[in-house]
Protein backbone atom coordinates (compact mmCIF):
# COMPACT_ATOMS: atom_id res chain seq x y z
CA MET A 1 -42.80 -31.30 27.82
CA PRO A 2 -41.38 -28.43 26.48
CA GLN A 3 -37.81 -28.69 25.49
CA VAL A 4 -34.55 -26.51 24.74
CA VAL A 5 -31.70 -27.45 22.86
CA ALA A 6 -28.25 -25.97 22.22
CA GLU A 7 -25.04 -27.61 21.18
CA GLN A 8 -21.42 -26.08 20.67
CA TRP A 9 -18.60 -27.84 19.17
CA VAL A 10 -14.83 -26.71 21.06
CA ALA A 11 -11.36 -27.83 20.24
CA VAL A 12 -10.72 -29.62 23.34
CA ALA A 13 -10.96 -33.41 24.32
CA THR A 14 -14.06 -34.44 25.83
CA GLU A 15 -12.36 -34.90 29.51
CA THR A 16 -11.32 -30.76 29.11
CA ALA A 17 -14.84 -29.97 28.28
CA PHE A 18 -16.28 -31.59 30.78
CA ALA A 19 -14.23 -30.31 33.18
CA VAL A 20 -14.89 -26.41 32.39
CA SER A 21 -18.32 -27.26 32.24
CA GLN A 22 -17.78 -28.64 35.61
CA THR A 23 -16.15 -25.67 37.38
CA THR A 24 -17.41 -23.62 40.61
CA GLY A 25 -16.60 -20.40 42.40
CA GLU A 26 -14.75 -17.55 40.48
CA LEU A 27 -13.53 -19.74 37.70
CA ARG A 28 -17.52 -20.49 37.13
CA LEU A 29 -18.75 -16.75 37.21
CA ARG A 30 -15.44 -16.02 34.79
CA TRP A 31 -17.12 -17.77 32.36
CA ASP A 32 -20.85 -18.57 32.96
CA PRO A 33 -23.23 -15.35 31.98
CA PHE A 34 -26.09 -17.16 33.33
CA ILE A 35 -25.49 -17.33 36.85
CA ARG A 36 -24.79 -14.52 39.47
CA HIS A 37 -24.02 -16.97 42.29
CA GLN A 38 -23.85 -20.72 42.27
CA HIS A 39 -22.27 -23.15 45.22
CA LEU A 40 -22.88 -26.69 45.75
CA ILE A 41 -24.58 -27.68 48.99
CA ASP A 42 -22.81 -29.65 52.00
CA ALA A 43 -20.09 -30.83 49.29
CA GLU A 44 -16.67 -29.92 47.96
CA HIS A 45 -17.17 -31.32 44.08
CA PRO A 46 -19.94 -32.05 41.88
CA GLY A 47 -21.30 -35.51 41.94
CA LYS A 48 -24.39 -37.79 41.72
CA ASP A 49 -26.73 -36.77 44.21
CA VAL A 50 -25.00 -33.45 44.81
CA ARG A 51 -27.23 -30.48 45.52
CA THR A 52 -26.84 -26.95 43.78
CA LEU A 53 -27.70 -23.48 44.42
CA THR A 54 -27.97 -21.46 41.75
CA LYS A 55 -29.15 -17.62 41.65
CA ALA A 56 -29.53 -16.69 37.65
CA ARG A 57 -28.21 -13.42 36.23
CA VAL A 58 -32.04 -12.44 35.33
CA GLY A 59 -33.35 -13.48 38.92
CA PRO A 60 -34.84 -16.30 39.89
CA THR A 61 -32.81 -19.26 42.49
CA MET A 62 -33.03 -22.90 42.16
CA ILE A 63 -32.03 -25.75 44.05
CA SER A 64 -31.21 -28.51 41.93
CA ARG A 65 -29.70 -32.34 42.32
CA TYR A 66 -27.20 -34.14 40.12
CA VAL A 67 -29.63 -37.44 39.03
CA SER A 68 -26.61 -38.40 37.08
CA PHE A 69 -22.60 -37.23 37.14
CA ARG A 70 -20.66 -39.42 34.28
CA PRO A 71 -17.52 -37.73 33.69
CA PRO A 72 -16.60 -37.05 30.49
CA SER A 73 -19.37 -37.77 28.60
CA SER A 74 -22.54 -36.62 30.49
CA VAL A 75 -24.15 -35.06 33.48
CA GLY A 76 -28.13 -34.67 34.51
CA MET A 77 -29.63 -32.34 36.92
CA THR A 78 -33.58 -31.87 38.45
CA MET A 79 -34.91 -29.10 40.33
CA GLU A 80 -35.88 -29.79 43.61
CA HIS A 81 -36.87 -26.01 44.46
CA GLY A 82 -37.22 -23.16 42.09
CA PRO A 83 -39.15 -20.30 40.87
CA TRP A 84 -42.99 -20.98 41.62
CA PHE A 85 -43.51 -20.74 37.31
CA PHE A 86 -42.08 -24.05 36.68
CA ALA A 87 -43.71 -27.41 37.86
CA GLY A 88 -40.77 -29.30 37.06
CA PHE A 89 -37.30 -28.50 35.34
CA GLY A 90 -34.55 -30.57 34.05
CA GLY A 91 -31.24 -30.26 32.36
CA GLY A 92 -29.24 -32.80 30.77
CA TRP A 93 -25.71 -31.91 29.28
CA ARG A 94 -23.99 -34.46 26.78
CA PHE A 95 -20.36 -34.17 25.48
CA THR A 96 -19.00 -36.33 22.67
CA PRO A 97 -15.74 -36.71 20.97
CA ALA A 98 -16.38 -35.15 17.23
CA ALA A 99 -14.11 -33.57 14.57
CA ARG A 100 -14.42 -30.50 12.64
CA ASN A 101 -12.72 -29.91 9.58
CA GLY A 102 -10.10 -32.43 10.85
CA VAL A 103 -9.59 -30.85 14.17
CA GLU A 104 -10.21 -33.39 16.72
CA GLY A 105 -12.54 -31.69 19.65
CA THR A 106 -16.06 -32.42 21.81
CA LEU A 107 -19.55 -31.78 20.44
CA ALA A 108 -21.49 -30.39 23.76
CA VAL A 109 -25.30 -30.85 23.39
CA TRP A 110 -27.30 -29.19 26.80
CA LYS A 111 -31.07 -30.00 27.01
CA TYR A 112 -33.47 -28.63 29.49
CA THR A 113 -37.04 -29.75 29.98
CA TYR A 114 -39.84 -27.85 31.73
CA THR A 115 -43.49 -28.14 32.81
CA ILE A 116 -45.05 -24.36 33.40
CA ARG A 117 -47.55 -24.14 36.62
CA PRO A 118 -50.24 -23.70 36.48
CA ALA A 119 -51.18 -25.49 33.96
CA TRP A 120 -53.44 -22.89 32.51
CA LEU A 121 -50.73 -20.71 31.76
CA ALA A 122 -48.97 -23.20 30.00
CA PRO A 123 -50.18 -22.17 26.33
CA VAL A 124 -48.71 -18.51 26.88
CA ALA A 125 -45.99 -19.31 28.81
CA GLU A 126 -44.64 -22.03 27.19
CA PRO A 127 -43.49 -19.77 24.12
CA ILE A 128 -42.34 -17.19 26.23
CA GLY A 129 -40.14 -19.94 28.22
CA GLN A 130 -38.79 -21.50 24.71
CA TRP A 131 -37.76 -18.06 23.76
CA LEU A 132 -36.29 -17.07 27.33
CA LEU A 133 -34.49 -20.11 27.87
CA GLY A 134 -33.50 -20.68 24.32
CA ARG A 135 -31.72 -17.31 24.58
CA GLU A 136 -30.08 -17.86 27.85
CA ILE A 137 -29.22 -21.28 26.97
CA ARG A 138 -27.13 -19.90 23.57
CA ALA A 139 -25.34 -17.27 25.23
CA ARG A 140 -24.56 -19.70 27.79
CA ILE A 141 -23.19 -22.56 25.41
CA GLY A 142 -21.42 -19.73 23.46
CA ALA A 143 -19.48 -18.70 26.65
CA PHE A 144 -18.57 -22.22 27.33
CA GLY A 145 -17.47 -22.42 23.71
CA ARG A 146 -15.23 -19.35 24.59
CA ALA A 147 -14.03 -21.09 27.87
CA CYS A 148 -13.14 -24.07 26.21
CA ALA A 149 -10.52 -21.66 24.16
CA ASP A 150 -9.24 -19.18 27.19
CA PRO A 151 -5.45 -19.92 28.30
CA GLU A 152 -6.23 -19.76 31.62
CA ILE A 153 -9.71 -21.70 32.48
CA LEU A 154 -7.96 -24.56 30.26
CA ALA A 155 -4.60 -24.30 32.94
CA ALA A 156 -6.86 -24.55 35.73
CA VAL A 157 -8.85 -27.46 35.00
CA SER A 158 -5.74 -29.62 33.72
CA GLY A 159 -3.52 -28.52 36.79
């Protein structure tokens, strides 16, 4: 099963990094370049077994479900419905305390795994998926890093 991984160190506590990662609505749209639209389905807040509808900026729509929700250290999700070319798709985001150059902060590591359908297409589609998903996840986690330094976003998650 192919996997795409990206990481970003941020100069905020894990609780804050986690809170930024779980923003919704207009606040999420302000920093997350991957999504065009996202909302929780039949829930007010993210949590285990909560479903999310996400429309990606590049086109596909996915309904995913949180399979784990462990503030402030991790979340995991799995695709329930999504683009025809994914037989399976899942992701996990981890947040670990980490210092850099004497500054306390958080290391965010985001991993996504997927399988392609039909299976005969995998040898061609997986390298494309690695490149495309890799590019998207690196841009997304970079934007997350900038959000963790944005005073307005930080004020919104701490207030």
